[in-house]
Amino acid sequence: MNAEDAALLELGRHLRRADYFFVTITPESHGRVNARVGAAEARTLRDVFGWNRPFRPETVGDRIWSLLDQADAVAACAGLYISKIRFSTYDALIFLHSAYPTLAANSVFFGPDTYRFLAAVEHCLGERSRAARRVVDIGTGSGAGGILLARHLPGAEIVLADISDDALRYAGINAALNEAQQVVLAHSDVLGSLDGQFDLVVANPPYLVDPKARLYRDGGGKLGHDLALRILRESLDRLAPGGVLLLYTGSAIVDGEDVFRARAQQMLHQGGFAHSYVEIDPDVFGEELAGGAYGQADRIAAVTLTVAA
């Protein structure tokens, strides 16, 4: 681990010792909260590393300021300073991810979808009758899914796979921060660079149509479904006997039809796979319906597809 990453790791540990917590909300809600009277400048660590507000060095103290400087994670902002990174929490876990707003092509996203995904992962584990020995989190991003699994499956090998070097960097720091020692980082386009079978495959891929084709947001295809369908297709061949795939994604509902579900079920019926499909939130990213790719969609739903080998 280089000096910058070591500083970020120590920063996360410092926040944990300070009982830091923050739940990351949608960018739209975040912007509304930060626009309130009195929210222009950070007063607390949650303001600095959660709400991502400009701050004075004395607000964070000498130790945190030094760590931010060592990590090259602070920038000047209208006479104050702003953190280039954020930290969010889920139960006892804490995760480093990109600053607000996540506009850069290499952003490492963490938000409401992450919380829904983590809840789905925990539900999936509760449904399993046996522990998994080899697990992969495809498109791991911050590493949240795999790191949560490491907490529940201490004897398993957990592979955090992503095509983004920035995501793998943050995932590695987060694994160390949360003491997930059995985690393995892998640069892989879906499962292309990985060998062997898996007892459990989890994935929370991007599922929107992004005109800028940002990795963390663009799912490919006319409605953003292509990456999720590719993950499904590649995973079916790599599940060990008794293995399970949990795919959390979004689906555009067009004229009442769940387009992703229709295509996924066709694939699953051809292979004879048992599966369940649950719509866990009927309306996400409603702002996307204003035009463009979703101009004719009724809504975008958050869904989970669970497949058993």
Protein backbone atom coordinates (compact mmCIF):
# COMPACT_ATOMS: atom_id res chain seq x y z
CA MET A 1 0.00 0.00 0.00
CA ASN A 2 1.45 3.37 -1.01
CA ALA A 3 1.69 6.39 1.30
CA GLU A 4 -1.49 8.06 -0.02
CA ASP A 5 -3.59 4.93 0.47
CA ALA A 6 -2.08 4.34 3.90
CA ALA A 7 -3.13 7.87 4.89
CA LEU A 8 -6.69 7.24 3.68
CA LEU A 9 -6.78 3.99 5.64
CA GLU A 10 -5.62 5.75 8.81
CA LEU A 11 -8.17 8.52 8.19
CA GLY A 12 -10.95 5.93 8.04
CA ARG A 13 -9.70 4.31 11.23
CA HIS A 14 -9.60 7.72 12.93
CA LEU A 15 -13.23 8.35 11.94
CA ARG A 16 -14.26 4.93 13.19
CA ARG A 17 -12.63 5.59 16.58
CA ALA A 18 -14.58 8.86 16.68
CA ASP A 19 -17.88 6.92 16.19
CA TYR A 20 -18.43 8.57 12.82
CA PHE A 21 -21.58 7.56 10.93
CA PHE A 22 -23.26 8.84 7.80
CA VAL A 23 -26.01 7.49 5.52
CA THR A 24 -25.55 8.62 1.92
CA ILE A 25 -28.73 9.78 0.20
CA THR A 26 -29.56 10.59 -3.42
CA PRO A 27 -27.67 13.45 -5.09
CA GLU A 28 -30.93 15.39 -5.45
CA SER A 29 -31.73 15.15 -1.74
CA HIS A 30 -28.10 15.84 -0.85
CA GLY A 31 -28.19 19.05 -2.86
CA ARG A 32 -31.38 20.20 -1.14
CA VAL A 33 -29.93 19.59 2.32
CA ASN A 34 -26.71 21.43 1.49
CA ALA A 35 -28.71 24.38 0.13
CA ARG A 36 -30.32 25.04 3.51
CA VAL A 37 -29.51 28.13 5.52
CA GLY A 38 -26.50 27.44 7.75
CA ALA A 39 -25.19 24.54 5.63
CA ALA A 40 -22.66 26.50 3.57
CA GLU A 41 -19.73 25.60 5.82
CA ALA A 42 -18.88 22.37 7.64
CA ARG A 43 -19.02 22.35 11.43
CA THR A 44 -18.56 18.63 12.16
CA LEU A 45 -16.76 15.60 10.72
CA ARG A 46 -20.09 14.43 9.26
CA ASP A 47 -20.34 17.77 7.46
CA VAL A 48 -16.83 17.34 6.05
CA PHE A 49 -16.84 13.64 5.08
CA GLY A 50 -20.55 12.97 4.65
CA TRP A 51 -22.20 16.15 3.41
CA ASN A 52 -18.93 17.14 1.70
CA ARG A 53 -19.19 20.80 2.73
CA PRO A 54 -16.29 23.27 2.59
CA PHE A 55 -14.40 23.50 5.89
CA ARG A 56 -11.62 25.25 7.78
CA PRO A 57 -8.55 23.21 8.82
CA GLU A 58 -9.31 23.80 12.50
CA THR A 59 -12.69 22.09 12.04
CA VAL A 60 -11.03 18.72 11.47
CA GLY A 61 -7.98 19.18 13.71
CA ASP A 62 -4.27 18.77 13.04
CA ARG A 63 -4.24 14.96 12.69
CA ILE A 64 -7.03 14.69 10.14
CA TRP A 65 -5.71 17.69 8.22
CA SER A 66 -2.31 16.03 8.03
CA LEU A 67 -3.82 12.76 6.76
CA LEU A 68 -5.86 14.58 4.12
CA ASP A 69 -2.74 16.38 2.98
CA GLN A 70 -0.69 13.15 2.87
CA ALA A 71 -3.43 11.49 0.81
CA ASP A 72 -3.73 14.46 -1.58
CA ALA A 73 -7.44 14.34 -0.68
CA VAL A 74 -8.14 18.01 0.00
CA ALA A 75 -8.68 20.94 -2.37
CA ALA A 76 -9.09 24.69 -2.01
CA CYS A 77 -12.69 25.91 -2.27
CA ALA A 78 -13.66 29.61 -2.20
CA GLY A 79 -11.32 30.51 0.64
CA LEU A 80 -12.00 27.23 2.48
CA TYR A 81 -11.15 23.59 1.74
CA ILE A 82 -13.14 20.58 0.61
CA SER A 83 -12.49 16.86 0.90
CA LYS A 84 -11.98 14.93 -2.33
CA ILE A 85 -13.36 11.78 -0.69
CA ARG A 86 -16.29 10.78 1.50
CA PHE A 87 -17.06 8.08 4.07
CA SER A 88 -20.40 6.31 4.52
CA THR A 89 -21.46 3.68 7.04
CA TYR A 90 -23.60 0.54 7.07
CA ASP A 91 -24.08 -0.99 10.50
CA ALA A 92 -20.55 -1.39 11.89
CA LEU A 93 -18.90 -1.06 8.47
CA ILE A 94 -17.40 2.13 7.05
CA PHE A 95 -16.64 2.78 3.38
CA LEU A 96 -14.46 5.26 1.54
CA HIS A 97 -15.89 6.49 -1.77
CA SER A 98 -15.90 9.45 -4.15
CA ALA A 99 -16.82 13.01 -3.21
CA TYR A 100 -20.16 14.65 -3.94
CA PRO A 101 -21.19 15.16 -6.67
CA THR A 102 -20.02 12.01 -8.47
CA LEU A 103 -19.54 13.54 -11.91
CA ALA A 104 -16.11 12.22 -12.91
CA ALA A 105 -15.83 9.21 -15.20
CA ASN A 106 -13.77 7.34 -12.61
CA SER A 107 -16.07 8.04 -9.64
CA VAL A 108 -16.56 5.24 -7.11
CA PHE A 109 -20.24 5.45 -6.20
CA PHE A 110 -21.96 4.72 -2.89
CA GLY A 111 -25.60 5.62 -2.29
CA PRO A 112 -29.16 4.37 -1.76
CA ASP A 113 -28.68 1.58 -4.31
CA THR A 114 -25.76 0.35 -2.21
CA TYR A 115 -27.93 0.16 0.90
CA ARG A 116 -30.65 -1.75 -0.95
CA PHE A 117 -28.03 -4.10 -2.39
CA LEU A 118 -26.47 -4.78 1.02
CA ALA A 119 -29.88 -5.53 2.50
CA ALA A 120 -30.53 -7.96 -0.37
CA VAL A 121 -27.17 -9.65 0.26
CA GLU A 122 -28.01 -10.18 3.93
CA HIS A 123 -31.43 -11.55 3.01
CA CYS A 124 -29.82 -13.94 0.53
CA LEU A 125 -27.43 -15.21 3.18
CA GLY A 126 -30.35 -15.82 5.52
CA GLU A 127 -32.00 -17.99 2.86
CA ARG A 128 -28.95 -20.20 2.24
CA SER A 129 -28.71 -23.55 4.00
CA ARG A 130 -24.94 -23.84 3.65
CA ALA A 131 -22.00 -21.47 3.79
CA ALA A 132 -20.24 -20.45 0.59
CA ARG A 133 -16.55 -21.23 0.25
CA ARG A 134 -15.76 -19.11 -2.81
CA VAL A 135 -17.55 -15.85 -3.52
CA VAL A 136 -17.24 -13.08 -6.11
CA ASP A 137 -18.63 -9.55 -6.05
CA ILE A 138 -18.77 -8.49 -9.71
CA GLY A 139 -18.34 -4.77 -10.36
CA THR A 140 -17.49 -4.36 -6.71
CA GLY A 141 -17.08 -0.54 -6.71
CA SER A 142 -16.35 0.42 -3.11
CA GLY A 143 -16.21 -3.28 -2.20
CA ALA A 144 -19.31 -2.97 -0.02
CA GLY A 145 -21.02 -6.22 -1.06
CA GLY A 146 -17.96 -8.42 -0.79
CA ILE A 147 -16.81 -6.84 2.45
CA LEU A 148 -20.23 -7.40 4.00
CA LEU A 149 -20.03 -11.04 2.89
CA ALA A 150 -16.58 -11.34 4.46
CA ARG A 151 -18.12 -10.39 7.80
CA HIS A 152 -20.72 -13.18 7.49
CA LEU A 153 -18.48 -15.79 5.81
CA PRO A 154 -15.15 -15.67 7.69
CA GLY A 155 -13.89 -18.90 6.13
CA ALA A 156 -14.65 -18.03 2.51
CA GLU A 157 -12.44 -16.60 -0.21
CA ILE A 158 -14.04 -13.33 -1.30
CA VAL A 159 -13.06 -11.97 -4.72
CA LEU A 160 -13.71 -8.27 -5.33
CA ALA A 161 -13.73 -7.87 -9.12
CA ASP A 162 -13.95 -4.67 -11.12
CA ILE A 163 -12.79 -3.24 -14.42
CA SER A 164 -11.95 0.09 -12.77
CA ASP A 165 -8.53 0.55 -11.16
CA ASP A 166 -9.94 3.37 -9.02
CA ALA A 167 -12.70 1.11 -7.72
CA LEU A 168 -10.21 -1.62 -6.85
CA ARG A 169 -8.03 0.90 -5.06
CA TYR A 170 -10.92 2.06 -2.87
CA ALA A 171 -12.16 -1.50 -2.38
CA GLY A 172 -8.71 -2.55 -1.15
CA ILE A 173 -8.58 0.31 1.34
CA ASN A 174 -12.10 -0.50 2.51
CA ALA A 175 -11.25 -4.17 2.95
CA ALA A 176 -8.32 -3.23 5.19
CA LEU A 177 -10.41 -0.63 7.02
CA ASN A 178 -13.08 -3.24 7.81
CA GLU A 179 -10.54 -6.02 8.53
CA ALA A 180 -11.78 -8.26 5.71
CA GLN A 181 -8.57 -10.27 5.54
CA GLN A 182 -9.77 -13.00 3.16
CA VAL A 183 -10.53 -10.54 0.37
CA VAL A 184 -8.78 -10.87 -3.01
CA LEU A 185 -8.78 -7.99 -5.51
CA ALA A 186 -9.12 -8.84 -9.20
CA HIS A 187 -9.11 -6.61 -12.26
CA SER A 188 -11.74 -8.28 -14.42
CA ASP A 189 -14.38 -7.39 -16.99
CA VAL A 190 -17.25 -9.33 -15.38
CA LEU A 191 -15.76 -12.84 -14.93
CA GLY A 192 -13.39 -12.73 -17.90
CA SER A 193 -10.13 -12.74 -15.90
CA LEU A 194 -11.27 -15.16 -13.19
CA ASP A 195 -10.95 -18.94 -13.14
CA GLY A 196 -13.07 -21.66 -11.60
CA GLN A 197 -16.52 -21.83 -10.10
CA PHE A 198 -18.21 -19.86 -7.33
CA ASP A 199 -20.64 -20.85 -4.62
CA LEU A 200 -22.05 -17.33 -4.49
CA VAL A 201 -21.99 -14.56 -7.08
CA VAL A 202 -23.31 -11.11 -6.17
CA ALA A 203 -23.49 -8.04 -8.36
CA ASN A 204 -24.85 -4.51 -8.23
CA PRO A 205 -24.01 -3.23 -11.71
CA PRO A 206 -24.79 0.20 -13.16
CA TYR A 207 -28.13 0.06 -14.95
CA LEU A 208 -28.86 3.48 -16.40
CA VAL A 209 -28.25 4.96 -19.83
CA ASP A 210 -25.54 7.56 -19.35
CA PRO A 211 -24.74 9.82 -22.33
CA LYS A 212 -21.21 10.22 -20.91
CA ALA A 213 -20.78 6.42 -20.63
CA ARG A 214 -19.37 6.68 -17.10
CA LEU A 215 -18.40 3.23 -15.80
CA TYR A 216 -20.15 3.58 -12.45
CA ARG A 217 -23.46 4.64 -14.04
CA ASP A 218 -23.88 3.30 -17.58
CA GLY A 219 -25.36 -0.18 -17.97
CA GLY A 220 -25.17 -0.25 -21.75
CA GLY A 221 -27.85 -0.81 -24.38
CA LYS A 222 -31.00 1.16 -25.14
CA LEU A 223 -32.37 0.92 -21.59
CA GLY A 224 -29.25 0.22 -19.54
CA HIS A 225 -29.85 -3.54 -19.17
CA ASP A 226 -26.99 -4.98 -21.22
CA LEU A 227 -24.38 -5.27 -18.46
CA ALA A 228 -26.81 -6.94 -16.05
CA LEU A 229 -27.80 -9.45 -18.74
CA ARG A 230 -24.14 -10.14 -19.49
CA ILE A 231 -23.42 -10.74 -15.79
CA LEU A 232 -26.35 -13.15 -15.69
CA ARG A 233 -25.21 -15.01 -18.79
CA GLU A 234 -21.57 -15.38 -17.68
CA SER A 235 -22.47 -16.31 -14.11
CA LEU A 236 -24.76 -19.19 -15.06
CA ASP A 237 -21.78 -21.10 -16.44
CA ARG A 238 -19.65 -20.44 -13.37
CA LEU A 239 -21.94 -21.39 -10.49
CA ALA A 240 -20.79 -24.43 -8.53
CA PRO A 241 -23.38 -27.15 -7.84
CA GLY A 242 -25.82 -25.63 -5.38
CA GLY A 243 -24.41 -22.18 -6.10
CA VAL A 244 -26.44 -18.96 -6.10
CA LEU A 245 -26.37 -15.73 -8.08
CA LEU A 246 -27.81 -12.58 -6.52
CA LEU A 247 -28.17 -9.77 -9.05
CA TYR A 248 -29.42 -6.39 -7.84
CA THR A 249 -30.21 -4.05 -10.71
CA GLY A 250 -32.77 -1.67 -12.17
CA SER A 251 -35.33 -2.28 -14.86
CA ALA A 252 -37.24 0.13 -17.05
CA ILE A 253 -40.96 -0.61 -17.12
CA VAL A 254 -42.29 0.31 -20.57
CA ASP A 255 -46.05 0.18 -21.25
CA GLY A 256 -46.40 -2.05 -18.19
CA GLU A 257 -43.71 -4.52 -19.27
CA ASP A 258 -40.61 -5.19 -17.19
CA VAL A 259 -38.12 -5.33 -20.06
CA PHE A 260 -35.15 -6.73 -18.11
CA ARG A 261 -37.28 -9.42 -16.49
CA ALA A 262 -38.61 -10.60 -19.84
CA ARG A 263 -35.12 -10.98 -21.31
CA ALA A 264 -33.65 -12.56 -18.18
CA GLN A 265 -36.44 -15.12 -17.82
CA GLN A 266 -36.07 -16.18 -21.43
CA MET A 267 -32.42 -16.95 -20.74
CA LEU A 268 -33.19 -18.77 -17.49
CA HIS A 269 -36.01 -20.86 -18.92
CA GLN A 270 -33.76 -22.06 -21.73
CA GLY A 271 -31.23 -23.27 -19.16
CA GLY A 272 -33.79 -24.69 -16.75
CA PHE A 273 -32.59 -22.59 -13.79
CA ALA A 274 -34.73 -22.09 -10.70
CA HIS A 275 -35.00 -18.42 -9.87
CA SER A 276 -36.95 -15.73 -8.05
CA TYR A 277 -37.52 -12.13 -9.06
CA VAL A 278 -38.53 -9.40 -6.62
CA GLU A 279 -39.31 -5.75 -7.28
CA ILE A 280 -37.98 -4.10 -4.13
CA ASP A 281 -38.58 -0.45 -5.05
CA PRO A 282 -41.08 0.48 -7.78
CA ASP A 283 -39.73 3.94 -8.54
CA VAL A 284 -36.06 4.94 -8.54
CA PHE A 285 -34.26 7.62 -10.59
CA GLY A 286 -37.58 9.24 -11.49
CA GLU A 287 -35.74 12.24 -12.90
CA GLU A 288 -34.56 10.04 -15.80
CA LEU A 289 -38.15 9.86 -17.13
CA ALA A 290 -38.00 13.46 -18.32
CA GLY A 291 -36.69 12.41 -21.72
CA GLY A 292 -33.88 10.68 -23.54
CA ALA A 293 -33.73 6.89 -23.29
CA TYR A 294 -36.57 6.76 -20.76
CA GLY A 295 -38.93 9.19 -22.46
CA GLN A 296 -41.48 6.38 -23.03
CA ALA A 297 -40.91 4.45 -19.80
CA ASP A 298 -43.53 4.29 -17.04
CA ARG A 299 -40.90 4.04 -14.32
CA ILE A 300 -37.56 2.48 -13.36
CA ALA A 301 -37.77 -0.20 -10.67
CA ALA A 302 -35.05 -1.60 -8.41
CA VAL A 303 -35.16 -5.40 -8.58
CA THR A 304 -33.34 -8.49 -7.35
CA LEU A 305 -32.91 -11.65 -9.39
CA THR A 306 -31.80 -14.74 -7.46
CA VAL A 307 -30.76 -17.82 -9.44
CA ALA A 308 -29.94 -21.27 -8.03
CA ALA A 309 -27.75 -23.77 -9.88
